[in-house]
Amino acid sequence: MAAARIATHCGVKLLAEVFPTRLQCGAGLPPVERIAYLAEMAGVQLANVQHLVLVDAKAPVSFFAYPGKKSDLVPDTCTVHTLSNPEQDALASLHKLVAALGAQQAQPALQAAQRPGLPRGKLTAPKVCKAVGALLPPDAIVIDEAITSGLMLGAMTAGAPRHDLITLTGGAIGQGLPNAVGCSIACPTRPVIALIGDGTAMYTIQALWTMAREQLNVTSVIFNNASYSVLNVELERVGADKAGPKAKAQLDLHGPVLNFAQLAQGMGVHAVRATTAEDFVKALTYALAHPGPHLIEAVVPESLSGAKRKVLPWLLRSLPNLPRPVAMALKRKIAP
């Protein structure tokens, strides 16, 4: 709220890291735009920034090193200032800055309460995110390790009841299910919804047994698109898309396709498989109405596949050369 008062008073933009450790979101709170995961899109967000003020954050860099591209995402014409580093008191620093600027009476922009409608038809990853936004209970904890399947999550839950968002830290995957265990044990009265990719789930699938053993109120949603989709995207972005069939097989989850509902049931977790939006809405409604643990296996196509994946590297290369309004519109279309 203090940062939002400064943003209103001074006419500046409020940003957050791409993967904040914990971010409070929802209706009645200031909307915070997260830096994009893809470096080219982050470059569009920061292109016109002349002064970047860091509060309990480091200057943004790209998630991976890409051939021929800068890793430092701060524009050359931008000056970076540090209000407080991670070892200092960020909240006290913001309050002092509010006072110094005379922004105490500034009215921060707040997110309006609004929800998307319930999805229908063939199940897709955006429709899963839409259902979560439509049904998310108050004071929930949302674990986001959906990777490419969760691109629409922020947009669909922005106006939902206030909730905490927990994201992955660093480049490793597999912490989503253990995070859900920890959150539920720490906050037993709060519903926990964990959105997990199928590849990431297999690193720590045994967390489901812990949920059953401890009878934790966790609803796990596994996006089953039978692929390490984000790694396939990165493979092409670094120019390694000519890899042979054995290398590509390392990023494929076919042969056999995993059945997470059966895996969960074998560990004592109530689980169902959903292939339509109606099935998913029914399963999520049931899970939120009954103490957990529950698992919903969402069988979905890849969000970035086929023609979309082929055109993505070209599109990303084109972004810096497009008019800023066009570039921002494309960025919001792919990753709101």
Protein backbone atom coordinates (compact mmCIF):
# COMPACT_ATOMS: atom_id res chain seq x y z
CA MET A 1 0.00 0.00 0.00
CA ALA A 2 2.86 2.37 0.76
CA ALA A 3 4.45 1.70 -2.62
CA ALA A 4 1.08 2.22 -4.31
CA ARG A 5 0.66 5.60 -2.59
CA ILE A 6 4.05 6.63 -4.00
CA ALA A 7 3.04 5.34 -7.45
CA THR A 8 -0.16 7.42 -7.39
CA HIS A 9 1.50 10.53 -5.94
CA CYS A 10 4.45 10.52 -8.34
CA GLY A 11 2.90 8.90 -11.41
CA VAL A 12 5.26 5.94 -11.48
CA LYS A 13 4.73 2.26 -12.27
CA LEU A 14 4.75 -0.44 -9.59
CA LEU A 15 6.53 -3.65 -10.62
CA ALA A 16 7.43 -6.93 -8.94
CA GLU A 17 9.97 -9.63 -9.67
CA VAL A 18 8.88 -12.37 -12.07
CA PHE A 19 8.95 -14.92 -9.23
CA PRO A 20 8.29 -13.16 -5.92
CA THR A 21 8.62 -15.38 -2.86
CA ARG A 22 5.15 -14.37 -1.65
CA LEU A 23 2.79 -11.82 -3.13
CA GLN A 24 -0.58 -10.80 -1.67
CA CYS A 25 -3.08 -10.40 -4.52
CA GLY A 26 -6.76 -9.84 -5.14
CA ALA A 27 -9.59 -7.38 -4.74
CA GLY A 28 -8.90 -4.33 -2.58
CA LEU A 29 -5.13 -4.50 -3.00
CA PRO A 30 -2.94 -2.48 -5.38
CA PRO A 31 -2.41 -4.33 -8.67
CA VAL A 32 1.28 -5.12 -9.16
CA GLU A 33 2.64 -5.89 -12.62
CA ARG A 34 5.21 -8.68 -12.54
CA ILE A 35 8.27 -8.55 -14.77
CA ALA A 36 7.82 -11.01 -17.65
CA TYR A 37 9.63 -14.36 -17.63
CA LEU A 38 10.78 -14.04 -21.25
CA ALA A 39 13.60 -11.49 -21.48
CA GLU A 40 12.32 -9.90 -24.68
CA MET A 41 8.94 -9.19 -23.06
CA ALA A 42 10.61 -7.81 -19.95
CA GLY A 43 12.57 -5.54 -22.26
CA VAL A 44 9.31 -4.15 -23.62
CA GLN A 45 8.05 -3.47 -20.08
CA LEU A 46 11.24 -1.63 -19.10
CA ALA A 47 12.04 0.06 -22.43
CA ASN A 48 11.01 3.59 -21.43
CA VAL A 49 12.03 3.42 -17.76
CA GLN A 50 14.47 6.22 -16.89
CA HIS A 51 14.82 5.52 -13.16
CA LEU A 52 14.43 2.10 -11.55
CA VAL A 53 14.09 2.09 -7.76
CA LEU A 54 14.84 -1.25 -6.07
CA VAL A 55 12.98 -2.13 -2.87
CA ASP A 56 14.03 -5.48 -1.37
CA ALA A 57 14.89 -6.57 -4.91
CA LYS A 58 17.83 -6.94 -7.26
CA ALA A 59 18.12 -5.37 -10.71
CA PRO A 60 16.33 -7.62 -13.24
CA VAL A 61 18.32 -10.02 -15.38
CA SER A 62 17.22 -12.63 -17.91
CA PHE A 63 16.31 -16.06 -16.56
CA PHE A 64 18.88 -17.80 -18.80
CA ALA A 65 21.82 -16.60 -20.88
CA TYR A 66 20.91 -16.42 -24.56
CA PRO A 67 23.44 -16.26 -27.41
CA GLY A 68 23.91 -12.71 -28.69
CA LYS A 69 21.55 -11.16 -26.13
CA LYS A 70 22.20 -9.05 -23.06
CA SER A 71 21.45 -10.68 -19.71
CA ASP A 72 21.03 -7.32 -17.97
CA LEU A 73 17.43 -6.22 -18.61
CA VAL A 74 17.91 -2.65 -17.37
CA PRO A 75 17.96 -0.23 -20.35
CA ASP A 76 21.29 1.50 -20.99
CA THR A 77 19.63 4.89 -20.46
CA CYS A 78 18.11 3.91 -17.10
CA THR A 79 19.59 4.86 -13.72
CA VAL A 80 19.17 2.25 -10.95
CA HIS A 81 18.60 3.41 -7.37
CA THR A 82 18.42 1.23 -4.26
CA LEU A 83 15.95 2.31 -1.59
CA SER A 84 16.53 -0.81 0.50
CA ASN A 85 18.40 -4.04 -0.11
CA PRO A 86 17.17 -7.48 1.05
CA GLU A 87 19.04 -7.12 4.36
CA GLN A 88 17.31 -3.84 5.22
CA ASP A 89 13.79 -2.93 6.37
CA ALA A 90 11.87 -2.43 3.13
CA LEU A 91 8.55 -1.49 4.76
CA ALA A 92 10.09 1.13 7.05
CA SER A 93 12.01 2.56 4.07
CA LEU A 94 8.81 2.87 2.03
CA HIS A 95 6.95 4.57 4.87
CA LYS A 96 9.79 7.07 5.27
CA LEU A 97 9.72 7.75 1.53
CA VAL A 98 5.94 8.29 1.64
CA ALA A 99 6.47 10.87 4.39
CA ALA A 100 9.36 12.55 2.60
CA LEU A 101 7.28 12.90 -0.58
CA GLY A 102 4.17 14.07 1.27
CA ALA A 103 2.21 11.16 -0.19
CA GLN A 104 0.35 10.17 2.98
CA GLN A 105 -3.02 11.29 1.59
CA ALA A 106 -2.54 9.82 -1.87
CA GLN A 107 -5.26 7.32 -2.76
CA PRO A 108 -3.63 4.19 -4.20
CA ALA A 109 -5.23 2.47 -7.16
CA LEU A 110 -6.92 -0.70 -5.92
CA GLN A 111 -7.98 -3.81 -7.78
CA ALA A 112 -11.75 -4.00 -8.21
CA ALA A 113 -13.60 -7.14 -7.12
CA GLN A 114 -14.42 -9.11 -10.24
CA ARG A 115 -14.35 -12.71 -11.37
CA PRO A 116 -14.36 -14.39 -14.78
CA GLY A 117 -17.29 -16.55 -15.79
CA LEU A 118 -17.15 -20.33 -15.59
CA PRO A 119 -15.46 -21.92 -18.63
CA ARG A 120 -17.12 -24.40 -20.97
CA GLY A 121 -16.11 -26.93 -23.59
CA LYS A 122 -12.83 -28.73 -24.21
CA LEU A 123 -10.41 -28.23 -21.36
CA THR A 124 -7.37 -26.00 -21.93
CA ALA A 125 -4.84 -24.48 -19.56
CA PRO A 126 -6.37 -20.96 -19.80
CA LYS A 127 -9.79 -22.44 -18.96
CA VAL A 128 -8.33 -24.08 -15.85
CA CYS A 129 -6.97 -20.67 -14.77
CA LYS A 130 -10.37 -19.14 -15.54
CA ALA A 131 -12.13 -21.71 -13.33
CA VAL A 132 -9.67 -21.02 -10.49
CA GLY A 133 -10.39 -17.29 -10.78
CA ALA A 134 -14.14 -17.92 -10.77
CA LEU A 135 -14.11 -20.23 -7.73
CA LEU A 136 -11.12 -19.14 -5.63
CA PRO A 137 -12.21 -18.93 -1.96
CA PRO A 138 -11.25 -16.01 0.31
CA ASP A 139 -7.89 -16.17 2.12
CA ALA A 140 -6.61 -19.00 -0.07
CA ILE A 141 -2.95 -19.76 -0.70
CA VAL A 142 -2.18 -20.34 -4.37
CA ILE A 143 0.99 -22.23 -5.31
CA ASP A 144 1.98 -21.47 -8.90
CA GLU A 145 4.30 -24.00 -10.50
CA ALA A 146 2.16 -24.40 -13.59
CA ILE A 147 4.98 -23.03 -15.80
CA THR A 148 3.60 -22.44 -19.35
CA SER A 149 0.12 -23.64 -18.38
CA GLY A 150 -0.25 -20.82 -15.84
CA LEU A 151 0.33 -17.88 -18.19
CA MET A 152 -3.26 -16.65 -17.67
CA LEU A 153 -3.40 -17.24 -13.91
CA GLY A 154 -2.57 -13.69 -12.84
CA ALA A 155 -5.12 -12.12 -15.17
CA MET A 156 -7.86 -14.56 -14.15
CA THR A 157 -7.35 -14.16 -10.39
CA ALA A 158 -6.57 -10.42 -10.23
CA GLY A 159 -10.03 -9.49 -8.95
CA ALA A 160 -10.67 -12.64 -6.91
CA PRO A 161 -10.90 -12.49 -3.10
CA ARG A 162 -7.63 -11.62 -1.39
CA HIS A 163 -5.12 -14.47 -1.45
CA ASP A 164 -1.41 -15.22 -1.20
CA LEU A 165 0.59 -16.27 -4.26
CA ILE A 166 3.67 -18.46 -3.79
CA THR A 167 5.94 -18.89 -6.83
CA LEU A 168 8.99 -20.99 -7.63
CA THR A 169 12.35 -19.61 -6.56
CA GLY A 170 15.16 -19.84 -9.06
CA GLY A 171 15.32 -22.08 -12.11
CA ALA A 172 14.74 -25.45 -10.47
CA ILE A 173 11.34 -27.12 -10.71
CA GLY A 174 9.63 -29.52 -8.35
CA GLN A 175 9.05 -27.36 -5.28
CA GLY A 176 5.33 -26.75 -5.88
CA LEU A 177 3.90 -29.82 -4.15
CA PRO A 178 6.28 -29.56 -1.15
CA ASN A 179 5.37 -25.85 -0.93
CA ALA A 180 1.72 -26.85 -0.70
CA VAL A 181 2.54 -29.24 2.16
CA GLY A 182 4.44 -26.53 4.03
CA CYS A 183 1.74 -23.90 3.51
CA SER A 184 -1.02 -26.19 4.69
CA ILE A 185 0.87 -27.22 7.83
CA ALA A 186 1.76 -23.58 8.57
CA CYS A 187 -1.78 -22.31 7.87
CA PRO A 188 -4.16 -25.23 8.58
CA THR A 189 -7.30 -23.06 8.45
CA ARG A 190 -6.59 -21.73 4.95
CA PRO A 191 -7.38 -23.58 1.71
CA VAL A 192 -4.32 -24.31 -0.42
CA ILE A 193 -4.55 -24.67 -4.20
CA ALA A 194 -1.42 -25.91 -5.95
CA LEU A 195 -1.20 -25.52 -9.74
CA ILE A 196 1.54 -27.85 -10.94
CA GLY A 197 2.97 -28.91 -14.30
CA ASP A 198 3.18 -32.63 -15.03
CA GLY A 199 6.95 -32.57 -15.47
CA THR A 200 7.52 -30.64 -12.25
CA ALA A 201 5.15 -32.92 -10.33
CA MET A 202 7.27 -35.99 -11.04
CA TYR A 203 10.23 -34.55 -9.15
CA THR A 204 8.37 -34.58 -5.82
CA ILE A 205 5.26 -36.70 -6.41
CA GLN A 206 5.75 -38.31 -2.98
CA ALA A 207 4.41 -35.07 -1.44
CA LEU A 208 0.93 -36.43 -2.25
CA TRP A 209 1.47 -39.26 0.25
CA THR A 210 2.42 -36.70 2.89
CA MET A 211 -0.79 -34.78 2.16
CA ALA A 212 -2.80 -37.97 2.67
CA ARG A 213 -0.90 -38.97 5.80
CA GLU A 214 -1.34 -35.54 7.40
CA GLN A 215 -4.85 -35.01 5.97
CA LEU A 216 -3.89 -31.61 4.61
CA ASN A 217 -6.47 -29.30 3.06
CA VAL A 218 -4.69 -29.08 -0.30
CA THR A 219 -6.21 -29.22 -3.76
CA SER A 220 -3.51 -30.10 -6.28
CA VAL A 221 -4.19 -29.37 -9.94
CA ILE A 222 -1.81 -31.20 -12.29
CA PHE A 223 -1.67 -29.88 -15.85
CA ASN A 224 -1.05 -33.00 -17.92
CA ASN A 225 0.13 -31.92 -21.37
CA ALA A 226 2.62 -34.81 -21.61
CA SER A 227 5.58 -32.50 -22.17
CA TYR A 228 8.27 -30.42 -20.50
CA SER A 229 6.81 -27.55 -22.51
CA VAL A 230 8.88 -24.71 -21.07
CA LEU A 231 12.12 -26.60 -21.76
CA ASN A 232 11.07 -27.24 -25.36
CA VAL A 233 10.47 -23.51 -25.72
CA GLU A 234 13.87 -22.69 -24.23
CA LEU A 235 15.56 -25.30 -26.45
CA GLU A 236 14.42 -23.42 -29.54
CA ARG A 237 15.18 -19.99 -28.07
CA VAL A 238 18.85 -20.84 -27.53
CA GLY A 239 19.16 -22.20 -31.08
CA ALA A 240 19.26 -25.87 -30.13
CA ASP A 241 16.04 -26.81 -31.93
CA LYS A 242 17.96 -29.09 -34.32
CA ALA A 243 18.52 -31.61 -31.53
CA GLY A 244 18.12 -35.25 -32.48
CA PRO A 245 15.26 -37.54 -31.47
CA LYS A 246 17.03 -38.93 -28.40
CA ALA A 247 17.70 -35.46 -27.01
CA LYS A 248 14.13 -34.35 -27.69
CA ALA A 249 12.80 -37.50 -26.04
CA GLN A 250 14.24 -36.22 -22.74
CA LEU A 251 11.64 -33.41 -22.84
CA ASP A 252 8.69 -35.60 -23.80
CA LEU A 253 6.35 -37.30 -21.32
CA HIS A 254 4.66 -39.68 -23.77
CA GLY A 255 5.36 -43.41 -23.79
CA PRO A 256 3.73 -43.99 -21.41
CA VAL A 257 1.56 -40.95 -20.68
CA LEU A 258 1.30 -40.49 -16.92
CA ASN A 259 -2.01 -40.93 -15.11
CA PHE A 260 -1.79 -38.63 -12.10
CA ALA A 261 -5.27 -39.47 -10.83
CA GLN A 262 -4.26 -43.11 -10.42
CA LEU A 263 -0.91 -42.14 -8.87
CA ALA A 264 -2.69 -39.94 -6.33
CA GLN A 265 -5.27 -42.59 -5.50
CA GLY A 266 -2.46 -45.08 -4.91
CA MET A 267 -1.08 -42.70 -2.26
CA GLY A 268 -4.43 -42.15 -0.56
CA VAL A 269 -5.47 -38.84 -2.15
CA HIS A 270 -8.96 -38.39 -3.57
CA ALA A 271 -8.39 -37.74 -7.28
CA VAL A 272 -10.30 -37.29 -10.54
CA ARG A 273 -9.34 -36.73 -14.17
CA ALA A 274 -10.91 -33.86 -16.14
CA THR A 275 -10.94 -33.49 -19.93
CA THR A 276 -13.70 -30.87 -20.23
CA ALA A 277 -14.14 -27.50 -18.56
CA GLU A 278 -17.42 -28.66 -17.05
CA ASP A 279 -15.70 -31.69 -15.48
CA PHE A 280 -12.97 -29.49 -14.06
CA VAL A 281 -15.43 -26.96 -12.59
CA LYS A 282 -17.37 -29.82 -10.96
CA ALA A 283 -14.19 -31.34 -9.52
CA LEU A 284 -12.84 -28.03 -8.20
CA THR A 285 -16.21 -27.11 -6.67
CA TYR A 286 -16.29 -30.46 -4.86
CA ALA A 287 -12.69 -30.19 -3.68
CA LEU A 288 -13.19 -26.71 -2.23
CA ALA A 289 -16.36 -27.80 -0.43
CA HIS A 290 -14.78 -30.83 1.27
CA PRO A 291 -11.64 -31.03 3.43
CA GLY A 292 -8.63 -32.26 1.46
CA PRO A 293 -6.45 -33.55 0.17
CA HIS A 294 -7.71 -33.66 -3.41
CA LEU A 295 -6.05 -33.91 -6.81
CA ILE A 296 -7.53 -32.87 -10.15
CA GLU A 297 -5.67 -34.04 -13.23
CA ALA A 298 -6.37 -31.51 -15.98
CA VAL A 299 -5.70 -33.15 -19.35
CA VAL A 300 -4.84 -30.19 -21.59
CA PRO A 301 -2.93 -29.46 -24.80
CA GLU A 302 0.34 -27.53 -24.57
CA SER A 303 -0.23 -23.78 -24.28
CA LEU A 304 2.80 -23.12 -26.50
CA SER A 305 2.97 -25.83 -29.15
CA GLY A 306 3.05 -26.37 -32.88
CA ALA A 307 2.76 -23.14 -34.85
CA LYS A 308 2.74 -21.02 -31.66
CA ARG A 309 6.09 -22.40 -30.57
CA LYS A 310 7.59 -22.02 -34.05
CA VAL A 311 6.53 -18.38 -34.38
CA LEU A 312 7.47 -17.42 -30.79
CA PRO A 313 11.24 -16.93 -31.37
CA TRP A 314 10.51 -14.76 -34.43
CA LEU A 315 7.93 -12.76 -32.52
CA LEU A 316 10.27 -12.20 -29.57
CA ARG A 317 13.05 -11.02 -31.88
CA SER A 318 10.63 -8.57 -33.49
CA LEU A 319 9.34 -7.00 -30.25
CA PRO A 320 12.13 -4.39 -29.79
CA ASN A 321 11.53 -3.06 -33.32
CA LEU A 322 7.75 -2.72 -33.04
CA PRO A 323 5.93 0.45 -31.90
CA ARG A 324 5.66 0.29 -28.11
CA PRO A 325 1.83 0.10 -27.99
CA VAL A 326 1.90 -2.83 -30.44
CA ALA A 327 4.71 -4.57 -28.53
CA MET A 328 2.87 -4.16 -25.20
CA ALA A 329 -0.36 -5.48 -26.72
CA LEU A 330 1.45 -8.58 -28.00
CA LYS A 331 3.12 -9.07 -24.63
CA ARG A 332 -0.23 -8.93 -22.81
CA LYS A 333 -1.73 -11.34 -25.33
CA ILE A 334 0.93 -13.99 -24.68
CA ALA A 335 1.59 -13.37 -20.98
CA PRO A 336 -0.84 -10.94 -19.28
